[in-house]
Amino acid sequence: MPKIKSAKKALRQSVKRQKRNLEKKNNIRIAKKNYLKAVGVNNNEEALQKLSQVYKALDKAQKTKVIKKNKANRLKSKLAKKLRASNK
């Protein structure tokens, strides 16, 4: 445990940030899972709605630098491609 006042504060801040980052990553994971279920059932209307939720979670995580910009774009592209493939 830190003894210096500034080190104690830094520890509190890092714990708070860690919780916030894990929550954002979990939101991405859950939204992605729900979207893939909708695509698997071939429910296109629900899948489109779930896709927008995934985009929202990815954009929020990318904006706060939880994930990198290119990773967010790559995941969006990959998930949209799954929807297009299920429509065929």
PDB file of N, CA and C in Angstrom:
ATOM      1  N   MET A   1       0.841  -1.188   0.000  1.00  0.00           N
ATOM      2  CA  MET A   1       0.000   0.000   0.000  1.00  0.00           C
ATOM      3  C   MET A   1       0.881   1.245   0.000  1.00  0.00           C
ATOM      4  N   PRO A   2       0.460   2.233  -0.731  1.00  0.00           N
ATOM      5  CA  PRO A   2       1.234   3.471  -0.782  1.00  0.00           C
ATOM      6  C   PRO A   2       1.166   4.231   0.543  1.00  0.00           C
ATOM      7  N   LYS A   3       2.234   4.943   0.828  1.00  0.00           N
ATOM      8  CA  LYS A   3       2.291   5.729   2.065  1.00  0.00           C
ATOM      9  C   LYS A   3       2.151   7.224   1.782  1.00  0.00           C
ATOM     10  N   ILE A   4       2.602   7.632   0.629  1.00  0.00           N
ATOM     11  CA  ILE A   4       2.572   9.050   0.274  1.00  0.00           C
ATOM     12  C   ILE A   4       1.172   9.427  -0.207  1.00  0.00           C
ATOM     13  N   LYS A   5       0.753  10.626   0.174  1.00  0.00           N
ATOM     14  CA  LYS A   5      -0.607  11.086  -0.116  1.00  0.00           C
ATOM     15  C   LYS A   5      -0.923  11.061  -1.614  1.00  0.00           C
ATOM     16  N   SER A   6       0.006  11.520  -2.437  1.00  0.00           N
ATOM     17  CA  SER A   6      -0.243  11.557  -3.880  1.00  0.00           C
ATOM     18  C   SER A   6      -0.321  10.145  -4.463  1.00  0.00           C
ATOM     19  N   ALA A   7       0.438   9.210  -3.907  1.00  0.00           N
ATOM     20  CA  ALA A   7       0.401   7.829  -4.375  1.00  0.00           C
ATOM     21  C   ALA A   7      -0.928   7.174  -3.999  1.00  0.00           C
ATOM     22  N   LYS A   8      -1.457   7.531  -2.821  1.00  0.00           N
ATOM     23  CA  LYS A   8      -2.767   7.010  -2.413  1.00  0.00           C
ATOM     24  C   LYS A   8      -3.848   7.492  -3.373  1.00  0.00           C
ATOM     25  N   LYS A   9      -3.776   8.767  -3.731  1.00  0.00           N
ATOM     26  CA  LYS A   9      -4.763   9.334  -4.652  1.00  0.00           C
ATOM     27  C   LYS A   9      -4.645   8.677  -6.031  1.00  0.00           C
ATOM     28  N   ALA A  10      -3.406   8.472  -6.478  1.00  0.00           N
ATOM     29  CA  ALA A  10      -3.187   7.836  -7.783  1.00  0.00           C
ATOM     30  C   ALA A  10      -3.766   6.420  -7.795  1.00  0.00           C
ATOM     31  N   LEU A  11      -3.639   5.720  -6.676  1.00  0.00           N
ATOM     32  CA  LEU A  11      -4.198   4.372  -6.572  1.00  0.00           C
ATOM     33  C   LEU A  11      -5.723   4.408  -6.650  1.00  0.00           C
ATOM     34  N   ARG A  12      -6.333   5.359  -5.933  1.00  0.00           N
ATOM     35  CA  ARG A  12      -7.794   5.496  -5.980  1.00  0.00           C
ATOM     36  C   ARG A  12      -8.260   5.790  -7.408  1.00  0.00           C
ATOM     37  N   GLN A  13      -7.535   6.683  -8.075  1.00  0.00           N
ATOM     38  CA  GLN A  13      -7.909   7.043  -9.443  1.00  0.00           C
ATOM     39  C   GLN A  13      -7.788   5.853 -10.392  1.00  0.00           C
ATOM     40  N   SER A  14      -6.714   5.105 -10.255  1.00  0.00           N
ATOM     41  CA  SER A  14      -6.505   3.982 -11.175  1.00  0.00           C
ATOM     42  C   SER A  14      -7.548   2.886 -10.956  1.00  0.00           C
ATOM     43  N   VAL A  15      -7.958   2.674  -9.706  1.00  0.00           N
ATOM     44  CA  VAL A  15      -8.992   1.674  -9.420  1.00  0.00           C
ATOM     45  C   VAL A  15     -10.321   2.113 -10.028  1.00  0.00           C
ATOM     46  N   LYS A  16     -10.637   3.389  -9.894  1.00  0.00           N
ATOM     47  CA  LYS A  16     -11.882   3.917 -10.453  1.00  0.00           C
ATOM     48  C   LYS A  16     -11.882   3.811 -11.975  1.00  0.00           C
ATOM     49  N   ARG A  17     -10.754   4.154 -12.596  1.00  0.00           N
ATOM     50  CA  ARG A  17     -10.653   4.069 -14.055  1.00  0.00           C
ATOM     51  C   ARG A  17     -10.739   2.625 -14.534  1.00  0.00           C
ATOM     52  N   GLN A  18     -10.122   1.714 -13.781  1.00  0.00           N
ATOM     53  CA  GLN A  18     -10.144   0.302 -14.141  1.00  0.00           C
ATOM     54  C   GLN A  18     -11.578  -0.224 -14.154  1.00  0.00           C
ATOM     55  N   LYS A  19     -12.364   0.143 -13.142  1.00  0.00           N
ATOM     56  CA  LYS A  19     -13.765  -0.282 -13.083  1.00  0.00           C
ATOM     57  C   LYS A  19     -14.544   0.270 -14.268  1.00  0.00           C
ATOM     58  N   ARG A  20     -14.322   1.547 -14.574  1.00  0.00           N
ATOM     59  CA  ARG A  20     -15.028   2.188 -15.680  1.00  0.00           C
ATOM     60  C   ARG A  20     -14.671   1.521 -17.008  1.00  0.00           C
ATOM     61  N   ASN A  21     -13.372   1.223 -17.207  1.00  0.00           N
ATOM     62  CA  ASN A  21     -12.935   0.594 -18.451  1.00  0.00           C
ATOM     63  C   ASN A  21     -13.487  -0.819 -18.594  1.00  0.00           C
ATOM     64  N   LEU A  22     -13.498  -1.575 -17.497  1.00  0.00           N
ATOM     65  CA  LEU A  22     -14.041  -2.931 -17.547  1.00  0.00           C
ATOM     66  C   LEU A  22     -15.531  -2.905 -17.862  1.00  0.00           C
ATOM     67  N   GLU A  23     -16.247  -1.924 -17.333  1.00  0.00           N
ATOM     68  CA  GLU A  23     -17.670  -1.798 -17.607  1.00  0.00           C
ATOM     69  C   GLU A  23     -17.915  -1.529 -19.094  1.00  0.00           C
ATOM     70  N   LYS A  24     -17.092  -0.683 -19.683  1.00  0.00           N
ATOM     71  CA  LYS A  24     -17.245  -0.387 -21.109  1.00  0.00           C
ATOM     72  C   LYS A  24     -16.921  -1.603 -21.959  1.00  0.00           C
ATOM     73  N   LYS A  25     -15.885  -2.353 -21.588  1.00  0.00           N
ATOM     74  CA  LYS A  25     -15.549  -3.567 -22.329  1.00  0.00           C
ATOM     75  C   LYS A  25     -16.658  -4.605 -22.201  1.00  0.00           C
ATOM     76  N   ASN A  26     -17.251  -4.714 -21.014  1.00  0.00           N
ATOM     77  CA  ASN A  26     -18.353  -5.655 -20.816  1.00  0.00           C
ATOM     78  C   ASN A  26     -19.567  -5.246 -21.633  1.00  0.00           C
ATOM     79  N   ASN A  27     -19.827  -3.935 -21.731  1.00  0.00           N
ATOM     80  CA  ASN A  27     -20.945  -3.463 -22.543  1.00  0.00           C
ATOM     81  C   ASN A  27     -20.759  -3.862 -24.006  1.00  0.00           C
ATOM     82  N   ILE A  28     -19.541  -3.757 -24.492  1.00  0.00           N
ATOM     83  CA  ILE A  28     -19.248  -4.169 -25.872  1.00  0.00           C
ATOM     84  C   ILE A  28     -19.507  -5.665 -26.019  1.00  0.00           C
ATOM     85  N   ARG A  29     -18.988  -6.439 -25.090  1.00  0.00           N
ATOM     86  CA  ARG A  29     -19.107  -7.892 -25.164  1.00  0.00           C
ATOM     87  C   ARG A  29     -20.568  -8.330 -25.140  1.00  0.00           C
ATOM     88  N   ILE A  30     -21.361  -7.744 -24.248  1.00  0.00           N
ATOM     89  CA  ILE A  30     -22.771  -8.123 -24.121  1.00  0.00           C
ATOM     90  C   ILE A  30     -23.556  -7.697 -25.359  1.00  0.00           C
ATOM     91  N   ALA A  31     -23.315  -6.478 -25.846  1.00  0.00           N
ATOM     92  CA  ALA A  31     -24.021  -5.991 -27.034  1.00  0.00           C
ATOM     93  C   ALA A  31     -23.674  -6.856 -28.245  1.00  0.00           C
ATOM     94  N   LYS A  32     -22.412  -7.233 -28.361  1.00  0.00           N
ATOM     95  CA  LYS A  32     -21.969  -8.065 -29.467  1.00  0.00           C
ATOM     96  C   LYS A  32     -22.625  -9.441 -29.404  1.00  0.00           C
ATOM     97  N   LYS A  33     -22.709  -9.997 -28.206  1.00  0.00           N
ATOM     98  CA  LYS A  33     -23.317 -11.308 -28.017  1.00  0.00           C
ATOM     99  C   LYS A  33     -24.803 -11.282 -28.395  1.00  0.00           C
ATOM    100  N   ASN A  34     -25.516 -10.239 -27.961  1.00  0.00           N
ATOM    101  CA  ASN A  34     -26.931 -10.112 -28.297  1.00  0.00           C
ATOM    102  C   ASN A  34     -27.130  -9.953 -29.804  1.00  0.00           C
ATOM    103  N   TYR A  35     -26.252  -9.190 -30.440  1.00  0.00           N
ATOM    104  CA  TYR A  35     -26.332  -8.987 -31.879  1.00  0.00           C
ATOM    105  C   TYR A  35     -26.122 -10.302 -32.622  1.00  0.00           C
ATOM    106  N   LEU A  36     -25.117 -11.070 -32.224  1.00  0.00           N
ATOM    107  CA  LEU A  36     -24.825 -12.329 -32.903  1.00  0.00           C
ATOM    108  C   LEU A  36     -25.960 -13.332 -32.729  1.00  0.00           C
ATOM    109  N   LYS A  37     -26.655 -13.289 -31.590  1.00  0.00           N
ATOM    110  CA  LYS A  37     -27.831 -14.144 -31.397  1.00  0.00           C
ATOM    111  C   LYS A  37     -28.922 -13.765 -32.385  1.00  0.00           C
ATOM    112  N   ALA A  38     -29.153 -12.468 -32.550  1.00  0.00           N
ATOM    113  CA  ALA A  38     -30.188 -11.984 -33.476  1.00  0.00           C
ATOM    114  C   ALA A  38     -29.843 -12.354 -34.915  1.00  0.00           C
ATOM    115  N   VAL A  39     -28.566 -12.276 -35.272  1.00  0.00           N
ATOM    116  CA  VAL A  39     -28.146 -12.644 -36.621  1.00  0.00           C
ATOM    117  C   VAL A  39     -28.311 -14.147 -36.827  1.00  0.00           C
ATOM    118  N   GLY A  40     -28.012 -14.924 -35.800  1.00  0.00           N
ATOM    119  CA  GLY A  40     -28.131 -16.378 -35.891  1.00  0.00           C
ATOM    120  C   GLY A  40     -29.557 -16.844 -36.109  1.00  0.00           C
ATOM    121  N   VAL A  41     -30.513 -16.099 -35.574  1.00  0.00           N
ATOM    122  CA  VAL A  41     -31.928 -16.441 -35.708  1.00  0.00           C
ATOM    123  C   VAL A  41     -32.505 -15.879 -37.005  1.00  0.00           C
ATOM    124  N   ASN A  42     -31.708 -15.104 -37.740  1.00  0.00           N
ATOM    125  CA  ASN A  42     -32.125 -14.437 -38.984  1.00  0.00           C
ATOM    126  C   ASN A  42     -33.252 -13.439 -38.750  1.00  0.00           C
ATOM    127  N   ASN A  43     -33.223 -12.760 -37.608  1.00  0.00           N
ATOM    128  CA  ASN A  43     -34.188 -11.702 -37.315  1.00  0.00           C
ATOM    129  C   ASN A  43     -33.529 -10.377 -37.693  1.00  0.00           C
ATOM    130  N   ASN A  44     -33.742  -9.943 -38.936  1.00  0.00           N
ATOM    131  CA  ASN A  44     -32.994  -8.804 -39.472  1.00  0.00           C
ATOM    132  C   ASN A  44     -33.348  -7.480 -38.798  1.00  0.00           C
ATOM    133  N   GLU A  45     -34.621  -7.270 -38.473  1.00  0.00           N
ATOM    134  CA  GLU A  45     -35.003  -6.010 -37.828  1.00  0.00           C
ATOM    135  C   GLU A  45     -34.366  -5.885 -36.453  1.00  0.00           C
ATOM    136  N   GLU A  46     -34.418  -6.969 -35.697  1.00  0.00           N
ATOM    137  CA  GLU A  46     -33.811  -6.954 -34.365  1.00  0.00           C
ATOM    138  C   GLU A  46     -32.288  -6.854 -34.481  1.00  0.00           C
ATOM    139  N   ALA A  47     -31.729  -7.518 -35.480  1.00  0.00           N
ATOM    140  CA  ALA A  47     -30.280  -7.479 -35.669  1.00  0.00           C
ATOM    141  C   ALA A  47     -29.807  -6.057 -35.977  1.00  0.00           C
ATOM    142  N   LEU A  48     -30.572  -5.324 -36.791  1.00  0.00           N
ATOM    143  CA  LEU A  48     -30.205  -3.936 -37.086  1.00  0.00           C
ATOM    144  C   LEU A  48     -30.228  -3.082 -35.829  1.00  0.00           C
ATOM    145  N   GLN A  49     -31.231  -3.313 -34.994  1.00  0.00           N
ATOM    146  CA  GLN A  49     -31.329  -2.563 -33.738  1.00  0.00           C
ATOM    147  C   GLN A  49     -30.149  -2.903 -32.820  1.00  0.00           C
ATOM    148  N   LYS A  50     -29.828  -4.186 -32.739  1.00  0.00           N
ATOM    149  CA  LYS A  50     -28.705  -4.618 -31.900  1.00  0.00           C
ATOM    150  C   LYS A  50     -27.373  -4.116 -32.461  1.00  0.00           C
ATOM    151  N   LEU A  51     -27.279  -4.025 -33.790  1.00  0.00           N
ATOM    152  CA  LEU A  51     -26.047  -3.535 -34.402  1.00  0.00           C
ATOM    153  C   LEU A  51     -25.792  -2.082 -34.010  1.00  0.00           C
ATOM    154  N   SER A  52     -26.854  -1.290 -33.953  1.00  0.00           N
ATOM    155  CA  SER A  52     -26.669   0.110 -33.557  1.00  0.00           C
ATOM    156  C   SER A  52     -26.230   0.197 -32.097  1.00  0.00           C
ATOM    157  N   GLN A  53     -26.687  -0.723 -31.254  1.00  0.00           N
ATOM    158  CA  GLN A  53     -26.242  -0.744 -29.859  1.00  0.00           C
ATOM    159  C   GLN A  53     -24.762  -1.108 -29.760  1.00  0.00           C
ATOM    160  N   VAL A  54     -24.333  -2.042 -30.605  1.00  0.00           N
ATOM    161  CA  VAL A  54     -22.910  -2.415 -30.626  1.00  0.00           C
ATOM    162  C   VAL A  54     -22.074  -1.227 -31.088  1.00  0.00           C
ATOM    163  N   TYR A  55     -22.541  -0.538 -32.145  1.00  0.00           N
ATOM    164  CA  TYR A  55     -21.830   0.641 -32.630  1.00  0.00           C
ATOM    165  C   TYR A  55     -21.704   1.692 -31.530  1.00  0.00           C
ATOM    166  N   LYS A  56     -22.785   1.891 -30.793  1.00  0.00           N
ATOM    167  CA  LYS A  56     -22.778   2.889 -29.714  1.00  0.00           C
ATOM    168  C   LYS A  56     -21.744   2.522 -28.651  1.00  0.00           C
ATOM    169  N   ALA A  57     -21.727   1.252 -28.249  1.00  0.00           N
ATOM    170  CA  ALA A  57     -20.778   0.802 -27.229  1.00  0.00           C
ATOM    171  C   ALA A  57     -19.340   0.935 -27.729  1.00  0.00           C
ATOM    172  N   LEU A  58     -19.115   0.575 -28.992  1.00  0.00           N
ATOM    173  CA  LEU A  58     -17.764   0.684 -29.560  1.00  0.00           C
ATOM    174  C   LEU A  58     -17.317   2.131 -29.645  1.00  0.00           C
ATOM    175  N   ASP A  59     -18.225   3.013 -30.076  1.00  0.00           N
ATOM    176  CA  ASP A  59     -17.870   4.426 -30.196  1.00  0.00           C
ATOM    177  C   ASP A  59     -17.553   5.046 -28.843  1.00  0.00           C
ATOM    178  N   LYS A  60     -18.326   4.686 -27.829  1.00  0.00           N
ATOM    179  CA  LYS A  60     -18.059   5.222 -26.488  1.00  0.00           C
ATOM    180  C   LYS A  60     -16.711   4.735 -25.961  1.00  0.00           C
ATOM    181  N   ALA A  61     -16.407   3.461 -26.183  1.00  0.00           N
ATOM    182  CA  ALA A  61     -15.132   2.917 -25.717  1.00  0.00           C
ATOM    183  C   ALA A  61     -13.966   3.529 -26.483  1.00  0.00           C
ATOM    184  N   GLN A  62     -14.173   3.757 -27.766  1.00  0.00           N
ATOM    185  CA  GLN A  62     -13.111   4.332 -28.589  1.00  0.00           C
ATOM    186  C   GLN A  62     -12.880   5.796 -28.241  1.00  0.00           C
ATOM    187  N   LYS A  63     -13.955   6.507 -27.924  1.00  0.00           N
ATOM    188  CA  LYS A  63     -13.841   7.932 -27.596  1.00  0.00           C
ATOM    189  C   LYS A  63     -13.010   8.149 -26.333  1.00  0.00           C
ATOM    190  N   THR A  64     -13.154   7.247 -25.366  1.00  0.00           N
ATOM    191  CA  THR A  64     -12.411   7.375 -24.110  1.00  0.00           C
ATOM    192  C   THR A  64     -11.115   6.560 -24.121  1.00  0.00           C
ATOM    193  N   LYS A  65     -10.751   6.070 -25.306  1.00  0.00           N
ATOM    194  CA  LYS A  65      -9.492   5.346 -25.513  1.00  0.00           C
ATOM    195  C   LYS A  65      -9.384   4.056 -24.715  1.00  0.00           C
ATOM    196  N   VAL A  66     -10.538   3.391 -24.499  1.00  0.00           N
ATOM    197  CA  VAL A  66     -10.514   2.061 -23.896  1.00  0.00           C
ATOM    198  C   VAL A  66     -10.042   1.066 -24.948  1.00  0.00           C
ATOM    199  N   ILE A  67     -10.517   1.258 -26.182  1.00  0.00           N
ATOM    200  CA  ILE A  67     -10.010   0.484 -27.312  1.00  0.00           C
ATOM    201  C   ILE A  67      -9.524   1.469 -28.373  1.00  0.00           C
ATOM    202  N   LYS A  68      -8.669   0.989 -29.257  1.00  0.00           N
ATOM    203  CA  LYS A  68      -8.118   1.867 -30.281  1.00  0.00           C
ATOM    204  C   LYS A  68      -9.133   2.089 -31.393  1.00  0.00           C
ATOM    205  N   LYS A  69      -8.948   3.194 -32.087  1.00  0.00           N
ATOM    206  CA  LYS A  69      -9.882   3.606 -33.134  1.00  0.00           C
ATOM    207  C   LYS A  69      -9.993   2.553 -34.234  1.00  0.00           C
ATOM    208  N   ASN A  70      -8.865   2.023 -34.666  1.00  0.00           N
ATOM    209  CA  ASN A  70      -8.881   1.057 -35.757  1.00  0.00           C
ATOM    210  C   ASN A  70      -9.554  -0.247 -35.340  1.00  0.00           C
ATOM    211  N   LYS A  71      -9.398  -0.625 -34.081  1.00  0.00           N
ATOM    212  CA  LYS A  71     -10.055  -1.847 -33.604  1.00  0.00           C
ATOM    213  C   LYS A  71     -11.564  -1.673 -33.632  1.00  0.00           C
ATOM    214  N   ALA A  72     -12.042  -0.513 -33.216  1.00  0.00           N
ATOM    215  CA  ALA A  72     -13.481  -0.244 -33.237  1.00  0.00           C
ATOM    216  C   ALA A  72     -13.993  -0.306 -34.672  1.00  0.00           C
ATOM    217  N   ASN A  73     -13.289   0.320 -35.590  1.00  0.00           N
ATOM    218  CA  ASN A  73     -13.699   0.303 -36.991  1.00  0.00           C
ATOM    219  C   ASN A  73     -13.659  -1.107 -37.569  1.00  0.00           C
ATOM    220  N   ARG A  74     -12.649  -1.863 -37.196  1.00  0.00           N
ATOM    221  CA  ARG A  74     -12.508  -3.236 -37.680  1.00  0.00           C
ATOM    222  C   ARG A  74     -13.667  -4.102 -37.196  1.00  0.00           C
ATOM    223  N   LEU A  75     -14.033  -3.959 -35.912  1.00  0.00           N
ATOM    224  CA  LEU A  75     -15.144  -4.738 -35.362  1.00  0.00           C
ATOM    225  C   LEU A  75     -16.467  -4.343 -36.008  1.00  0.00           C
ATOM    226  N   LYS A  76     -16.677  -3.049 -36.233  1.00  0.00           N
ATOM    227  CA  LYS A  76     -17.903  -2.593 -36.886  1.00  0.00           C
ATOM    228  C   LYS A  76     -18.028  -3.216 -38.268  1.00  0.00           C
ATOM    229  N   SER A  77     -16.936  -3.201 -39.019  1.00  0.00           N
ATOM    230  CA  SER A  77     -16.941  -3.754 -40.363  1.00  0.00           C
ATOM    231  C   SER A  77     -17.228  -5.247 -40.341  1.00  0.00           C
ATOM    232  N   LYS A  78     -16.597  -5.942 -39.432  1.00  0.00           N
ATOM    233  CA  LYS A  78     -16.754  -7.397 -39.316  1.00  0.00           C
ATOM    234  C   LYS A  78     -18.198  -7.765 -38.976  1.00  0.00           C
ATOM    235  N   LEU A  79     -18.803  -7.015 -38.064  1.00  0.00           N
ATOM    236  CA  LEU A  79     -20.172  -7.317 -37.641  1.00  0.00           C
ATOM    237  C   LEU A  79     -21.182  -6.962 -38.731  1.00  0.00           C
ATOM    238  N   ALA A  80     -20.952  -5.873 -39.443  1.00  0.00           N
ATOM    239  CA  ALA A  80     -21.840  -5.487 -40.544  1.00  0.00           C
ATOM    240  C   ALA A  80     -21.767  -6.536 -41.662  1.00  0.00           C
ATOM    241  N   LYS A  81     -20.588  -7.087 -41.876  1.00  0.00           N
ATOM    242  CA  LYS A  81     -20.415  -8.097 -42.901  1.00  0.00           C
ATOM    243  C   LYS A  81     -21.229  -9.346 -42.564  1.00  0.00           C
ATOM    244  N   LYS A  82     -21.314  -9.691 -41.274  1.00  0.00           N
ATOM    245  CA  LYS A  82     -22.117 -10.846 -40.854  1.00  0.00           C
ATOM    246  C   LYS A  82     -23.591 -10.624 -41.158  1.00  0.00           C
ATOM    247  N   LEU A  83     -24.067  -9.407 -40.960  1.00  0.00           N
ATOM    248  CA  LEU A  83     -25.465  -9.093 -41.248  1.00  0.00           C
ATOM    249  C   LEU A  83     -25.738  -9.195 -42.742  1.00  0.00           C
ATOM    250  N   ARG A  84     -24.832  -8.672 -43.550  1.00  0.00           N
ATOM    251  CA  ARG A  84     -25.007  -8.761 -45.001  1.00  0.00           C
ATOM    252  C   ARG A  84     -25.011 -10.213 -45.466  1.00  0.00           C
ATOM    253  N   ALA A  85     -24.147 -11.033 -44.869  1.00  0.00           N
ATOM    254  CA  ALA A  85     -24.077 -12.449 -45.251  1.00  0.00           C
ATOM    255  C   ALA A  85     -25.350 -13.185 -44.858  1.00  0.00           C
ATOM    256  N   SER A  86     -25.953 -12.817 -43.742  1.00  0.00           N
ATOM    257  CA  SER A  86     -27.172 -13.499 -43.313  1.00  0.00           C
ATOM    258  C   SER A  86     -28.380 -13.083 -44.149  1.00  0.00           C
ATOM    259  N   ASN A  87     -28.314 -11.924 -44.805  1.00  0.00           N
ATOM    260  CA  ASN A  87     -29.412 -11.464 -45.652  1.00  0.00           C
ATOM    261  C   ASN A  87     -29.462 -12.218 -46.976  1.00  0.00           C
ATOM    262  N   LYS A  88     -28.334 -12.778 -47.395  1.00  0.00           N
ATOM    263  CA  LYS A  88     -28.281 -13.470 -48.697  1.00  0.00           C
ATOM    264  C   LYS A  88     -28.938 -14.823 -48.645  1.00  0.00           C
TER     265      LYS A  88
END
